[in-house]
Amino acid sequence: MTEFEIIRRFFGTPPVQRTDVVLGIGDDAAVLQPPAGHELILTTDTLVEGRHFRPGEDPESLGHKSLAVNLSDLAAMGAEPAWFLLSLTLPQADEQWLTAFAGGLHALARRFNIQLVGGNTTRGPLSISVTACGFVPAGQALTRRGAQPGDRVYVTGTLGDAALALWIEQEQHGRTPVDHAAAERLHRPEPRIAAGIALRGLAGAVIDISDGLAADLGHILESSRVGARIDLARLPLSDAYRRLQTSGVVGWDLALAGGDDYELCFTVPPSREPELTRRAAQMGCACTLIGEIVASPGLVLTDPEGRRYQPGRTGYDHFAD
């Protein structure tokens, strides 16, 4: 297949067709019409074989995840998804691989009504880059900068499942069975779009947890020039994680620094917590109070016995090794 046959067969007619796309795939660039009174939110992420996923990874899951990680960024800004671009570098034109990849990509795009409007294909080591765009009403974008002393710190969903699944797949070699739900969190993360939209005008600061809670909450603290105290006993952990933790197989670090959670961490003033409770039904996921923002800089973690806890690492870093 040629480059243009790949585009035409697998991506030329996306299943989502939005009325705000004036001109989509097939020209030098897309022509888009954002709604009046809204601001655009743009984000981009790249997944590289051997760094973000192993050779031979399921292509349908890769299609899902490549879009999901960008949708998670839009969620953290309170944005409604609208359009995305796909840049795909392939070692070869494998029809079976492309069919599965496009299937996973398009299935998630349909769920969140986000239209593929262009991109690029080229030959080389497998790499997938997505640029996603959404919009928020003017002045309502969520940021990392609004945390204040006294604010409560919350997270959506559960933490550490994706890191747990990756650790089992890489290190256990069959000694510990892979929990299906945890594996789904690793390979098919669920973007918290509804939660992000529900947090508009309510949350002081928001970030998506992609590199691990400790690192990403740290970005909120740095941007807001505050500190935080987190009670590890409050961390929302899945039953699978708790079973392995209770038996001593894993500790706190996968939940604190493993990464790939794609949950939201956010702060809310105490006076707004009743409103958070009212909006929780719109979020489609649980929200758990895990700590408090304080004036003194730094992140303080306290274990269930009341002792200070220092994780073995702070979070994922592409250049740490």
Protein backbone atom coordinates (compact mmCIF):
# COMPACT_ATOMS: atom_id res chain seq x y z
CA MET A 1 0.00 0.00 0.00
CA THR A 2 1.11 3.56 -0.67
CA GLU A 3 0.95 6.36 1.87
CA PHE A 4 -2.21 7.75 0.30
CA GLU A 5 -3.88 4.35 0.15
CA ILE A 6 -3.27 4.00 3.91
CA ILE A 7 -4.86 7.38 4.53
CA ARG A 8 -7.82 6.69 2.26
CA ARG A 9 -8.55 3.14 3.48
CA PHE A 10 -8.05 3.52 7.23
CA PHE A 11 -8.41 7.20 8.08
CA GLY A 12 -9.95 9.03 5.10
CA THR A 13 -13.55 8.69 6.22
CA PRO A 14 -13.61 9.07 10.02
CA PRO A 15 -16.75 7.78 11.76
CA VAL A 16 -17.31 11.10 13.54
CA GLN A 17 -18.51 13.94 11.30
CA ARG A 18 -18.91 17.21 13.21
CA THR A 19 -20.72 20.24 11.84
CA ASP A 20 -17.91 22.54 13.04
CA VAL A 21 -15.44 20.92 10.62
CA VAL A 22 -15.57 23.11 7.51
CA LEU A 23 -12.87 21.11 5.70
CA GLY A 24 -11.33 17.91 7.05
CA ILE A 25 -9.04 15.24 5.65
CA GLY A 26 -7.91 15.61 2.04
CA ASP A 27 -6.38 19.08 1.82
CA ASP A 28 -3.15 20.68 3.05
CA ALA A 29 -4.79 21.64 6.34
CA ALA A 30 -8.15 21.45 8.08
CA VAL A 31 -10.58 24.35 8.34
CA LEU A 32 -12.41 24.38 11.68
CA GLN A 33 -15.06 26.61 13.21
CA PRO A 34 -14.86 26.93 17.02
CA PRO A 35 -18.07 28.02 18.75
CA ALA A 36 -18.50 31.67 19.63
CA GLY A 37 -17.56 32.60 23.18
CA HIS A 38 -15.21 29.65 23.67
CA GLU A 39 -11.45 29.23 23.96
CA LEU A 40 -9.46 26.49 22.21
CA ILE A 41 -7.49 23.92 24.21
CA LEU A 42 -4.67 22.12 22.37
CA THR A 43 -2.54 19.17 23.52
CA THR A 44 -0.24 16.60 21.95
CA ASP A 45 1.35 13.31 22.98
CA THR A 46 3.61 10.77 21.32
CA LEU A 47 3.82 7.02 21.95
CA VAL A 48 7.07 5.38 20.84
CA GLU A 49 7.63 1.64 20.51
CA GLY A 50 10.16 0.44 23.07
CA ARG A 51 9.58 3.45 25.31
CA HIS A 52 5.82 3.71 25.85
CA PHE A 53 4.81 0.25 24.67
CA ARG A 54 6.50 -3.04 23.94
CA PRO A 55 7.07 -4.45 20.43
CA GLY A 56 4.13 -6.60 19.44
CA GLU A 57 1.62 -4.63 21.55
CA ASP A 58 -2.02 -5.13 20.59
CA PRO A 59 -2.66 -2.51 17.86
CA GLU A 60 -6.33 -2.03 18.76
CA SER A 61 -5.31 -1.07 22.29
CA LEU A 62 -2.63 1.23 20.89
CA GLY A 63 -5.24 3.00 18.78
CA HIS A 64 -7.37 3.50 21.89
CA LYS A 65 -4.52 4.63 24.12
CA SER A 66 -2.95 7.04 21.64
CA LEU A 67 -6.16 9.07 21.63
CA ALA A 68 -7.05 8.44 25.29
CA VAL A 69 -3.88 10.03 26.68
CA ASN A 70 -4.67 13.23 24.79
CA LEU A 71 -8.30 13.18 25.87
CA SER A 72 -7.02 12.94 29.45
CA ASP A 73 -5.14 16.22 28.96
CA LEU A 74 -8.31 17.84 27.62
CA ALA A 75 -10.19 16.52 30.66
CA ALA A 76 -7.68 18.17 32.99
CA MET A 77 -8.44 21.51 31.34
CA GLY A 78 -12.21 21.03 31.53
CA ALA A 79 -12.45 20.89 27.73
CA GLU A 80 -15.05 19.30 25.50
CA PRO A 81 -13.25 17.26 22.80
CA ALA A 82 -13.70 18.40 19.20
CA TRP A 83 -10.96 17.50 16.70
CA PHE A 84 -7.67 15.64 16.47
CA LEU A 85 -4.69 15.09 14.16
CA LEU A 86 -2.82 11.79 13.80
CA SER A 87 0.83 11.46 12.76
CA LEU A 88 1.74 7.82 12.26
CA THR A 89 5.24 6.48 11.58
CA LEU A 90 5.18 2.84 10.43
CA PRO A 91 7.98 0.38 9.71
CA GLN A 92 5.75 -1.18 7.03
CA ALA A 93 2.21 -0.98 5.65
CA ASP A 94 0.67 -3.92 7.53
CA GLU A 95 -3.02 -4.12 6.61
CA GLN A 96 -3.99 -6.30 9.58
CA TRP A 97 -2.19 -4.02 12.05
CA LEU A 98 -3.71 -0.88 10.53
CA THR A 99 -7.23 -2.33 10.59
CA ALA A 100 -6.97 -3.12 14.30
CA PHE A 101 -5.27 0.18 15.17
CA ALA A 102 -7.86 2.23 13.29
CA GLY A 103 -10.63 0.22 14.96
CA GLY A 104 -9.42 1.08 18.46
CA LEU A 105 -8.83 4.72 17.54
CA HIS A 106 -12.19 5.23 15.86
CA ALA A 107 -14.15 3.43 18.58
CA LEU A 108 -12.90 5.86 21.24
CA ALA A 109 -13.37 8.83 18.91
CA ARG A 110 -17.03 7.89 18.49
CA ARG A 111 -17.53 7.70 22.25
CA PHE A 112 -16.24 11.24 22.77
CA ASN A 113 -17.49 12.78 19.50
CA ILE A 114 -14.03 13.89 18.41
CA GLN A 115 -13.30 13.99 14.68
CA LEU A 116 -10.05 13.10 12.94
CA VAL A 117 -9.33 16.07 10.67
CA GLY A 118 -5.84 15.38 9.32
CA GLY A 119 -2.30 14.28 10.07
CA ASN A 120 0.64 12.60 8.43
CA THR A 121 1.97 9.14 7.64
CA THR A 122 5.60 8.24 7.07
CA ARG A 123 7.94 5.24 7.19
CA GLY A 124 10.27 4.54 10.10
CA PRO A 125 10.33 3.07 13.64
CA LEU A 126 6.79 2.74 15.02
CA SER A 127 5.66 6.02 16.59
CA ILE A 128 2.18 7.44 17.12
CA SER A 129 1.56 11.15 17.68
CA VAL A 130 -1.86 12.68 18.30
CA THR A 131 -2.71 16.35 18.63
CA ALA A 132 -6.16 16.90 20.15
CA CYS A 133 -8.23 20.05 20.33
CA GLY A 134 -11.23 20.92 22.49
CA PHE A 135 -12.95 24.02 23.75
CA VAL A 136 -14.21 25.56 26.95
CA PRO A 137 -16.42 28.58 27.59
CA ALA A 138 -14.23 31.69 27.73
CA GLY A 139 -12.51 32.06 31.10
CA GLN A 140 -13.47 28.60 32.38
CA ALA A 141 -10.37 26.56 31.49
CA LEU A 142 -8.99 24.58 34.43
CA THR A 143 -5.29 25.06 35.25
CA ARG A 144 -2.61 23.96 37.72
CA ARG A 145 -2.23 27.41 39.27
CA GLY A 146 -5.25 27.91 41.52
CA ALA A 147 -4.57 25.78 44.63
CA GLN A 148 -4.83 27.70 47.91
CA PRO A 149 -3.87 26.76 51.51
CA GLY A 150 -6.79 24.97 53.11
CA ASP A 151 -8.06 23.48 49.85
CA ARG A 152 -8.86 19.78 49.89
CA VAL A 153 -6.99 17.47 47.52
CA TYR A 154 -9.04 14.90 45.60
CA VAL A 155 -8.40 12.25 42.96
CA THR A 156 -10.79 10.45 40.63
CA GLY A 157 -10.94 6.67 40.26
CA THR A 158 -8.23 4.44 41.66
CA LEU A 159 -4.44 4.79 41.55
CA GLY A 160 -1.67 2.38 40.67
CA ASP A 161 -3.56 -0.21 38.62
CA ALA A 162 -1.79 0.47 35.32
CA ALA A 163 1.62 0.49 37.03
CA LEU A 164 0.70 -2.73 38.82
CA ALA A 165 -0.22 -4.43 35.53
CA LEU A 166 3.01 -3.24 33.89
CA TRP A 167 5.10 -4.42 36.85
CA ILE A 168 3.47 -7.86 36.72
CA GLU A 169 3.96 -8.13 32.95
CA GLN A 170 7.61 -7.03 33.07
CA GLU A 171 8.91 -8.42 36.35
CA GLN A 172 6.83 -11.37 37.51
CA HIS A 173 7.10 -13.73 34.53
CA GLY A 174 3.97 -15.62 35.49
CA ARG A 175 4.61 -15.69 39.26
CA THR A 176 1.75 -13.23 39.86
CA PRO A 177 -1.39 -13.37 37.71
CA VAL A 178 -2.27 -10.19 35.82
CA ASP A 179 -5.58 -8.75 37.01
CA HIS A 180 -7.79 -8.13 33.97
CA ALA A 181 -9.15 -4.82 35.24
CA ALA A 182 -5.63 -3.55 35.99
CA ALA A 183 -4.47 -4.61 32.53
CA GLU A 184 -7.36 -2.67 31.00
CA ARG A 185 -6.26 0.42 32.95
CA LEU A 186 -2.80 0.08 31.42
CA HIS A 187 -3.75 -0.65 27.82
CA ARG A 188 -7.14 1.10 27.54
CA PRO A 189 -7.25 4.04 29.98
CA GLU A 190 -10.55 5.84 30.48
CA PRO A 191 -10.34 9.62 29.93
CA ARG A 192 -12.22 11.56 32.64
CA ILE A 193 -13.84 14.06 30.28
CA ALA A 194 -17.14 14.21 32.19
CA ALA A 195 -15.30 14.83 35.46
CA GLY A 196 -13.25 17.64 33.96
CA ILE A 197 -16.32 19.38 32.59
CA ALA A 198 -18.10 18.99 35.94
CA LEU A 199 -15.14 20.65 37.69
CA ARG A 200 -15.39 23.89 35.71
CA GLY A 201 -15.89 26.80 38.06
CA LEU A 202 -15.41 24.55 41.08
CA ALA A 203 -11.85 23.18 41.21
CA GLY A 204 -9.00 25.46 42.17
CA ALA A 205 -6.33 23.48 40.34
CA VAL A 206 -6.44 20.33 38.21
CA ILE A 207 -3.93 18.00 36.55
CA ASP A 208 -4.17 14.60 34.93
CA ILE A 209 -2.12 11.88 36.61
CA SER A 210 0.06 10.52 33.81
CA ASP A 211 3.48 10.38 35.48
CA GLY A 212 2.29 9.39 38.97
CA LEU A 213 0.46 11.19 41.78
CA ALA A 214 3.58 12.44 43.55
CA ALA A 215 5.06 14.00 40.42
CA ASP A 216 1.86 15.44 39.01
CA LEU A 217 0.56 16.83 42.29
CA GLY A 218 4.04 18.32 42.59
CA HIS A 219 3.36 20.29 39.40
CA ILE A 220 0.23 21.77 40.98
CA LEU A 221 2.22 22.69 44.09
CA GLU A 222 4.97 24.33 42.06
CA SER A 223 2.57 26.25 39.81
CA SER A 224 0.42 27.37 42.76
CA ARG A 225 3.41 28.02 45.09
CA VAL A 226 1.96 25.94 47.91
CA GLY A 227 2.55 22.57 49.59
CA ALA A 228 0.37 19.58 50.43
CA ARG A 229 -0.08 16.89 53.05
CA ILE A 230 -1.35 13.55 51.74
CA ASP A 231 -2.65 10.69 53.90
CA LEU A 232 -1.64 7.42 52.22
CA ALA A 233 -4.39 5.55 54.05
CA ARG A 234 -6.90 7.57 52.01
CA LEU A 235 -5.49 6.66 48.59
CA PRO A 236 -8.16 4.93 46.49
CA LEU A 237 -6.76 1.51 45.57
CA SER A 238 -8.43 -1.31 43.68
CA ASP A 239 -9.15 -4.64 45.37
CA ALA A 240 -6.41 -6.27 43.29
CA TYR A 241 -3.86 -3.68 44.43
CA ARG A 242 -4.89 -3.98 48.09
CA ARG A 243 -4.62 -7.77 48.03
CA LEU A 244 -1.04 -7.61 46.79
CA GLN A 245 -0.20 -4.80 49.18
CA THR A 246 -1.61 -6.70 52.17
CA SER A 247 0.44 -9.76 51.24
CA GLY A 248 3.60 -7.64 50.97
CA VAL A 249 4.06 -8.09 47.21
CA VAL A 250 3.79 -4.36 46.48
CA GLY A 251 3.96 -1.20 48.59
CA TRP A 252 2.81 2.39 48.05
CA ASP A 253 5.18 3.37 45.26
CA LEU A 254 3.22 2.02 42.29
CA ALA A 255 0.21 4.10 43.37
CA LEU A 256 2.35 7.18 44.05
CA ALA A 257 4.82 7.13 41.20
CA GLY A 258 4.00 4.36 38.73
CA GLY A 259 2.25 6.56 36.19
CA ASP A 260 -0.29 5.78 33.45
CA ASP A 261 -3.27 6.32 35.77
CA TYR A 262 -4.91 9.03 33.62
CA GLU A 263 -7.07 10.04 36.56
CA LEU A 264 -7.55 13.66 37.65
CA CYS A 265 -6.01 15.21 40.76
CA PHE A 266 -7.74 18.42 41.80
CA THR A 267 -8.21 20.86 44.66
CA VAL A 268 -11.47 22.25 46.03
CA PRO A 269 -12.01 24.90 48.75
CA PRO A 270 -13.76 23.44 51.83
CA SER A 271 -16.72 25.75 51.26
CA ARG A 272 -17.28 24.17 47.82
CA GLU A 273 -17.21 20.53 48.92
CA PRO A 274 -21.04 20.34 49.15
CA GLU A 275 -21.16 21.47 45.52
CA LEU A 276 -18.61 18.79 44.60
CA THR A 277 -20.88 16.21 46.21
CA ARG A 278 -23.80 17.48 44.12
CA ARG A 279 -21.80 17.36 40.91
CA ALA A 280 -20.31 13.92 41.58
CA ALA A 281 -23.18 12.19 39.79
CA GLN A 282 -22.15 13.95 36.56
CA MET A 283 -18.56 12.69 36.71
CA GLY A 284 -19.04 9.01 35.96
CA CYS A 285 -16.41 8.01 38.53
CA ALA A 286 -15.68 8.17 42.25
CA CYS A 287 -13.81 11.13 43.79
CA THR A 288 -11.73 10.55 46.92
CA LEU A 289 -10.38 13.07 49.42
CA ILE A 290 -6.70 12.30 50.02
CA GLY A 291 -5.24 15.38 51.71
CA GLU A 292 -4.99 19.12 52.06
CA ILE A 293 -3.10 22.06 50.55
CA VAL A 294 -0.82 23.90 53.00
CA ALA A 295 1.17 27.13 52.79
CA SER A 296 4.60 25.56 53.38
CA PRO A 297 6.19 24.35 50.12
CA GLY A 298 6.72 20.64 49.51
CA LEU A 299 4.76 17.41 49.48
CA VAL A 300 4.43 15.55 52.78
CA LEU A 301 3.24 11.94 52.62
CA THR A 302 2.07 10.24 55.80
CA ASP A 303 1.63 6.45 56.10
CA PRO A 304 -1.24 4.81 58.05
CA GLU A 305 0.92 4.78 61.20
CA GLY A 306 1.42 8.54 61.00
CA ARG A 307 5.05 8.34 59.83
CA ARG A 308 6.55 10.41 57.03
CA TYR A 309 6.90 8.37 53.85
CA GLN A 310 9.43 8.93 51.07
CA PRO A 311 8.74 7.04 47.84
CA GLY A 312 11.61 5.32 46.09
CA ARG A 313 11.01 7.51 43.05
CA THR A 314 8.87 10.56 42.38
CA GLY A 315 7.36 9.64 39.00
CA TYR A 316 8.01 8.77 35.38
CA ASP A 317 10.67 10.78 33.55
CA HIS A 318 11.59 10.06 29.91
CA PHE A 319 15.19 11.12 30.49
CA ALA A 320 15.77 9.79 34.01
CA ASP A 321 17.65 6.73 32.71
